[in-house]
């Protein structure tokens, strides 16, 4: 497998967290953080069943944590679909 793709919502989450990182921690630190997220996406794609199932949030979803963010994804036949990238305080409204 070892492929992943971001949903449009996850892509927006990614862009927003990068902008937040730049504004609050500077460009260098923001780049380091998103580079780490990308490595985490690759790790998820290589071993998608390794991470916790969170059917109580949404059926079929799994979660991997990176830093202050939780990566919510589903396993498809040919790749991993990253659905959202959220901080804990955003979870309650993210899947409405």
N, C-alpha and C. Protein backbone atom coordinates (compact mmCIF):
# COMPACT_ATOMS: atom_id res chain seq x y z
N UNK A 1 0.86 -1.18 0.00
CA UNK A 1 0.00 0.00 0.00
C UNK A 1 0.90 1.23 0.00
N UNK A 2 1.29 1.74 1.13
CA UNK A 2 2.23 2.84 1.32
C UNK A 2 1.88 4.12 0.54
N UNK A 3 0.61 4.34 0.30
CA UNK A 3 0.18 5.60 -0.31
C UNK A 3 -0.86 6.24 0.61
N UNK A 4 -0.88 7.55 0.59
CA UNK A 4 -1.90 8.27 1.35
C UNK A 4 -2.35 9.47 0.54
N UNK A 5 -3.53 9.95 0.88
CA UNK A 5 -4.03 11.19 0.27
C UNK A 5 -4.83 11.94 1.33
N UNK A 6 -4.84 13.25 1.20
CA UNK A 6 -5.58 14.10 2.13
C UNK A 6 -6.94 14.44 1.56
N UNK A 7 -7.97 14.35 2.38
CA UNK A 7 -9.29 14.84 1.98
C UNK A 7 -9.20 16.36 1.87
N UNK A 8 -10.21 16.98 1.30
CA UNK A 8 -10.18 18.44 1.21
C UNK A 8 -10.19 19.06 2.61
N UNK A 9 -10.92 18.46 3.55
CA UNK A 9 -10.93 18.98 4.92
C UNK A 9 -9.56 18.83 5.58
N UNK A 10 -8.91 17.69 5.37
CA UNK A 10 -7.57 17.48 5.94
C UNK A 10 -6.56 18.42 5.30
N UNK A 11 -6.71 18.68 4.01
CA UNK A 11 -5.82 19.63 3.33
C UNK A 11 -5.98 21.03 3.94
N UNK A 12 -7.21 21.42 4.21
CA UNK A 12 -7.45 22.72 4.87
C UNK A 12 -6.87 22.73 6.28
N UNK A 13 -7.05 21.62 7.02
CA UNK A 13 -6.47 21.52 8.36
C UNK A 13 -4.96 21.70 8.30
N UNK A 14 -4.33 21.04 7.33
CA UNK A 14 -2.88 21.10 7.16
C UNK A 14 -2.42 22.53 6.89
N UNK A 15 -3.09 23.19 5.97
CA UNK A 15 -2.74 24.58 5.64
C UNK A 15 -2.92 25.49 6.85
N UNK A 16 -4.02 25.31 7.58
CA UNK A 16 -4.29 26.16 8.74
C UNK A 16 -3.27 25.94 9.85
N UNK A 17 -2.89 24.69 10.10
CA UNK A 17 -1.93 24.45 11.17
C UNK A 17 -0.55 24.97 10.77
N UNK A 18 -0.21 24.93 9.48
CA UNK A 18 1.05 25.50 9.02
C UNK A 18 1.05 27.01 9.22
N UNK A 19 -0.03 27.67 8.83
CA UNK A 19 -0.13 29.12 9.02
C UNK A 19 -0.09 29.49 10.51
N UNK A 20 -0.78 28.72 11.33
CA UNK A 20 -0.75 28.94 12.78
C UNK A 20 0.68 28.79 13.30
N UNK A 21 1.37 27.76 12.82
CA UNK A 21 2.76 27.54 13.23
C UNK A 21 3.66 28.70 12.86
N UNK A 22 3.51 29.21 11.65
CA UNK A 22 4.30 30.36 11.22
C UNK A 22 4.03 31.56 12.12
N UNK A 23 2.75 31.85 12.34
CA UNK A 23 2.36 33.02 13.14
C UNK A 23 2.84 32.93 14.59
N UNK A 24 2.84 31.72 15.15
CA UNK A 24 3.12 31.57 16.57
C UNK A 24 4.52 31.06 16.91
N UNK A 25 5.17 30.37 15.96
CA UNK A 25 6.46 29.76 16.27
C UNK A 25 7.55 30.08 15.25
N UNK A 26 7.17 30.72 14.15
CA UNK A 26 8.14 31.07 13.12
C UNK A 26 8.17 30.04 12.00
N UNK A 27 8.67 30.47 10.85
CA UNK A 27 8.68 29.64 9.65
C UNK A 27 9.48 28.35 9.82
N UNK A 28 10.66 28.45 10.42
CA UNK A 28 11.51 27.27 10.57
C UNK A 28 10.82 26.19 11.39
N UNK A 29 10.26 26.57 12.53
CA UNK A 29 9.59 25.59 13.39
C UNK A 29 8.33 25.04 12.72
N UNK A 30 7.59 25.89 12.02
CA UNK A 30 6.39 25.44 11.31
C UNK A 30 6.75 24.41 10.25
N UNK A 31 7.84 24.65 9.52
CA UNK A 31 8.28 23.68 8.50
C UNK A 31 8.68 22.36 9.13
N UNK A 32 9.40 22.42 10.25
CA UNK A 32 9.79 21.19 10.94
C UNK A 32 8.57 20.38 11.37
N UNK A 33 7.56 21.07 11.87
CA UNK A 33 6.35 20.39 12.34
C UNK A 33 5.60 19.73 11.18
N UNK A 34 5.41 20.45 10.09
CA UNK A 34 4.68 19.85 8.97
C UNK A 34 5.50 18.76 8.29
N UNK A 35 6.82 18.89 8.28
CA UNK A 35 7.66 17.80 7.76
C UNK A 35 7.46 16.54 8.60
N UNK A 36 7.36 16.72 9.92
CA UNK A 36 7.09 15.59 10.81
C UNK A 36 5.72 14.99 10.56
N UNK A 37 4.74 15.83 10.28
CA UNK A 37 3.40 15.32 9.94
C UNK A 37 3.45 14.47 8.68
N UNK A 38 4.18 14.93 7.69
CA UNK A 38 4.29 14.17 6.44
C UNK A 38 4.94 12.82 6.68
N UNK A 39 5.97 12.79 7.51
CA UNK A 39 6.60 11.52 7.87
C UNK A 39 5.59 10.62 8.58
N UNK A 40 4.76 11.21 9.44
CA UNK A 40 3.72 10.43 10.13
C UNK A 40 2.69 9.88 9.15
N UNK A 41 2.30 10.68 8.15
CA UNK A 41 1.38 10.18 7.12
C UNK A 41 1.98 8.96 6.42
N UNK A 42 3.27 9.03 6.11
CA UNK A 42 3.94 7.92 5.44
C UNK A 42 3.98 6.68 6.33
N UNK A 43 4.23 6.90 7.62
CA UNK A 43 4.24 5.79 8.57
C UNK A 43 2.86 5.13 8.66
N UNK A 44 1.83 5.95 8.69
CA UNK A 44 0.46 5.43 8.70
C UNK A 44 0.20 4.60 7.45
N UNK A 45 0.60 5.11 6.30
CA UNK A 45 0.37 4.41 5.03
C UNK A 45 1.10 3.08 4.99
N UNK A 46 2.28 3.01 5.60
CA UNK A 46 3.06 1.78 5.59
C UNK A 46 2.50 0.72 6.54
N UNK A 47 1.84 1.15 7.60
CA UNK A 47 1.31 0.21 8.59
C UNK A 47 -0.01 0.75 9.16
N UNK A 48 -1.05 0.83 8.33
CA UNK A 48 -2.28 1.53 8.73
C UNK A 48 -3.06 0.89 9.87
N UNK A 49 -2.92 -0.41 10.06
CA UNK A 49 -3.69 -1.07 11.11
C UNK A 49 -3.00 -1.01 12.47
N UNK A 50 -1.81 -0.45 12.50
CA UNK A 50 -1.04 -0.32 13.74
C UNK A 50 -1.68 0.66 14.72
N UNK A 51 -2.39 1.62 14.19
CA UNK A 51 -2.93 2.71 15.02
C UNK A 51 -4.35 2.42 15.47
N UNK A 52 -4.76 3.12 16.51
CA UNK A 52 -6.02 2.88 17.21
C UNK A 52 -7.26 3.09 16.34
N UNK A 53 -8.17 2.11 16.39
CA UNK A 53 -9.49 2.27 15.77
C UNK A 53 -10.32 3.17 16.68
N UNK A 54 -11.07 4.08 16.07
CA UNK A 54 -11.90 5.01 16.85
C UNK A 54 -13.32 5.01 16.28
N UNK A 55 -13.93 3.84 16.25
CA UNK A 55 -15.28 3.71 15.73
C UNK A 55 -16.30 4.53 16.52
N UNK A 56 -15.98 4.85 17.77
CA UNK A 56 -16.89 5.68 18.58
C UNK A 56 -16.95 7.12 18.05
N UNK A 57 -15.96 7.52 17.29
CA UNK A 57 -15.96 8.85 16.67
C UNK A 57 -16.66 8.78 15.32
N UNK A 58 -16.24 7.84 14.52
CA UNK A 58 -16.89 7.58 13.23
C UNK A 58 -16.47 6.18 12.78
N UNK A 59 -17.44 5.38 12.36
CA UNK A 59 -17.18 3.99 11.99
C UNK A 59 -16.12 3.92 10.89
N UNK A 60 -15.13 3.05 11.11
CA UNK A 60 -14.07 2.84 10.14
C UNK A 60 -12.87 3.75 10.30
N UNK A 61 -12.97 4.73 11.20
CA UNK A 61 -11.86 5.68 11.39
C UNK A 61 -10.80 5.10 12.33
N UNK A 62 -9.57 5.52 12.09
CA UNK A 62 -8.44 5.23 12.96
C UNK A 62 -7.77 6.55 13.30
N UNK A 63 -6.95 6.52 14.37
CA UNK A 63 -6.31 7.76 14.82
C UNK A 63 -4.84 7.50 15.13
N UNK A 64 -4.03 8.42 14.67
CA UNK A 64 -2.61 8.46 15.02
C UNK A 64 -2.33 9.85 15.56
N UNK A 65 -1.54 9.93 16.61
CA UNK A 65 -1.24 11.22 17.22
C UNK A 65 0.16 11.65 16.83
N UNK A 66 0.27 12.92 16.46
CA UNK A 66 1.57 13.54 16.19
C UNK A 66 1.59 14.90 16.88
N UNK A 67 2.50 15.08 17.82
CA UNK A 67 2.58 16.34 18.54
C UNK A 67 1.26 16.65 19.21
N UNK A 68 0.72 17.82 18.94
CA UNK A 68 -0.56 18.26 19.52
C UNK A 68 -1.75 17.88 18.65
N UNK A 69 -1.52 17.15 17.58
CA UNK A 69 -2.59 16.86 16.61
C UNK A 69 -2.89 15.37 16.53
N UNK A 70 -4.15 15.09 16.27
CA UNK A 70 -4.59 13.72 15.99
C UNK A 70 -4.93 13.65 14.50
N UNK A 71 -4.43 12.61 13.87
CA UNK A 71 -4.67 12.38 12.45
C UNK A 71 -5.74 11.30 12.35
N UNK A 72 -6.87 11.64 11.77
CA UNK A 72 -7.98 10.70 11.60
C UNK A 72 -7.98 10.24 10.15
N UNK A 73 -8.05 8.92 9.97
CA UNK A 73 -7.94 8.37 8.62
C UNK A 73 -8.76 7.10 8.49
N UNK A 74 -8.99 6.72 7.25
CA UNK A 74 -9.64 5.45 6.92
C UNK A 74 -8.73 4.69 5.95
N UNK A 75 -8.81 3.38 6.04
CA UNK A 75 -8.01 2.53 5.17
C UNK A 75 -8.86 2.12 3.97
N UNK A 76 -8.39 2.44 2.78
CA UNK A 76 -9.06 2.05 1.54
C UNK A 76 -8.31 0.88 0.93
N UNK A 77 -8.80 0.39 -0.19
CA UNK A 77 -8.14 -0.72 -0.86
C UNK A 77 -6.73 -0.39 -1.31
N UNK A 78 -6.55 0.82 -1.85
CA UNK A 78 -5.27 1.14 -2.46
C UNK A 78 -4.47 2.20 -1.72
N UNK A 79 -5.04 2.81 -0.68
CA UNK A 79 -4.29 3.83 0.06
C UNK A 79 -4.99 4.16 1.37
N UNK A 80 -4.37 5.07 2.11
CA UNK A 80 -4.95 5.59 3.34
C UNK A 80 -5.51 6.98 3.02
N UNK A 81 -6.74 7.21 3.41
CA UNK A 81 -7.36 8.52 3.23
C UNK A 81 -7.33 9.26 4.56
N UNK A 82 -6.53 10.31 4.62
CA UNK A 82 -6.48 11.16 5.81
C UNK A 82 -7.68 12.08 5.74
N UNK A 83 -8.56 11.96 6.74
CA UNK A 83 -9.81 12.70 6.72
C UNK A 83 -9.71 14.05 7.43
N UNK A 84 -9.04 14.08 8.58
CA UNK A 84 -8.89 15.32 9.35
C UNK A 84 -7.57 15.28 10.12
N UNK A 85 -7.06 16.47 10.43
CA UNK A 85 -5.89 16.66 11.29
C UNK A 85 -6.32 17.68 12.33
N UNK A 86 -6.52 17.23 13.56
CA UNK A 86 -7.18 18.08 14.56
C UNK A 86 -6.44 18.14 15.88
N UNK A 87 -6.56 19.27 16.53
CA UNK A 87 -6.18 19.37 17.94
C UNK A 87 -7.37 18.85 18.75
N UNK A 88 -7.13 18.43 19.96
CA UNK A 88 -8.17 17.82 20.79
C UNK A 88 -9.37 18.74 20.96
N UNK A 89 -9.14 20.04 21.11
CA UNK A 89 -10.25 20.95 21.35
C UNK A 89 -11.16 21.12 20.14
N UNK A 90 -10.72 20.69 18.97
CA UNK A 90 -11.53 20.80 17.76
C UNK A 90 -12.35 19.55 17.46
N UNK A 91 -12.17 18.51 18.23
CA UNK A 91 -12.81 17.23 17.93
C UNK A 91 -14.33 17.30 18.02
N UNK A 92 -14.86 17.99 18.99
CA UNK A 92 -16.31 18.00 19.21
C UNK A 92 -17.11 18.53 18.03
N UNK A 93 -16.55 19.45 17.27
CA UNK A 93 -17.29 20.05 16.15
C UNK A 93 -16.81 19.58 14.79
N UNK A 94 -15.72 18.86 14.73
CA UNK A 94 -15.10 18.52 13.45
C UNK A 94 -15.90 17.52 12.62
N UNK A 95 -16.60 16.61 13.25
CA UNK A 95 -17.28 15.55 12.51
C UNK A 95 -18.79 15.72 12.48
N UNK A 96 -19.27 16.91 12.74
CA UNK A 96 -20.72 17.18 12.70
C UNK A 96 -21.24 17.17 11.28
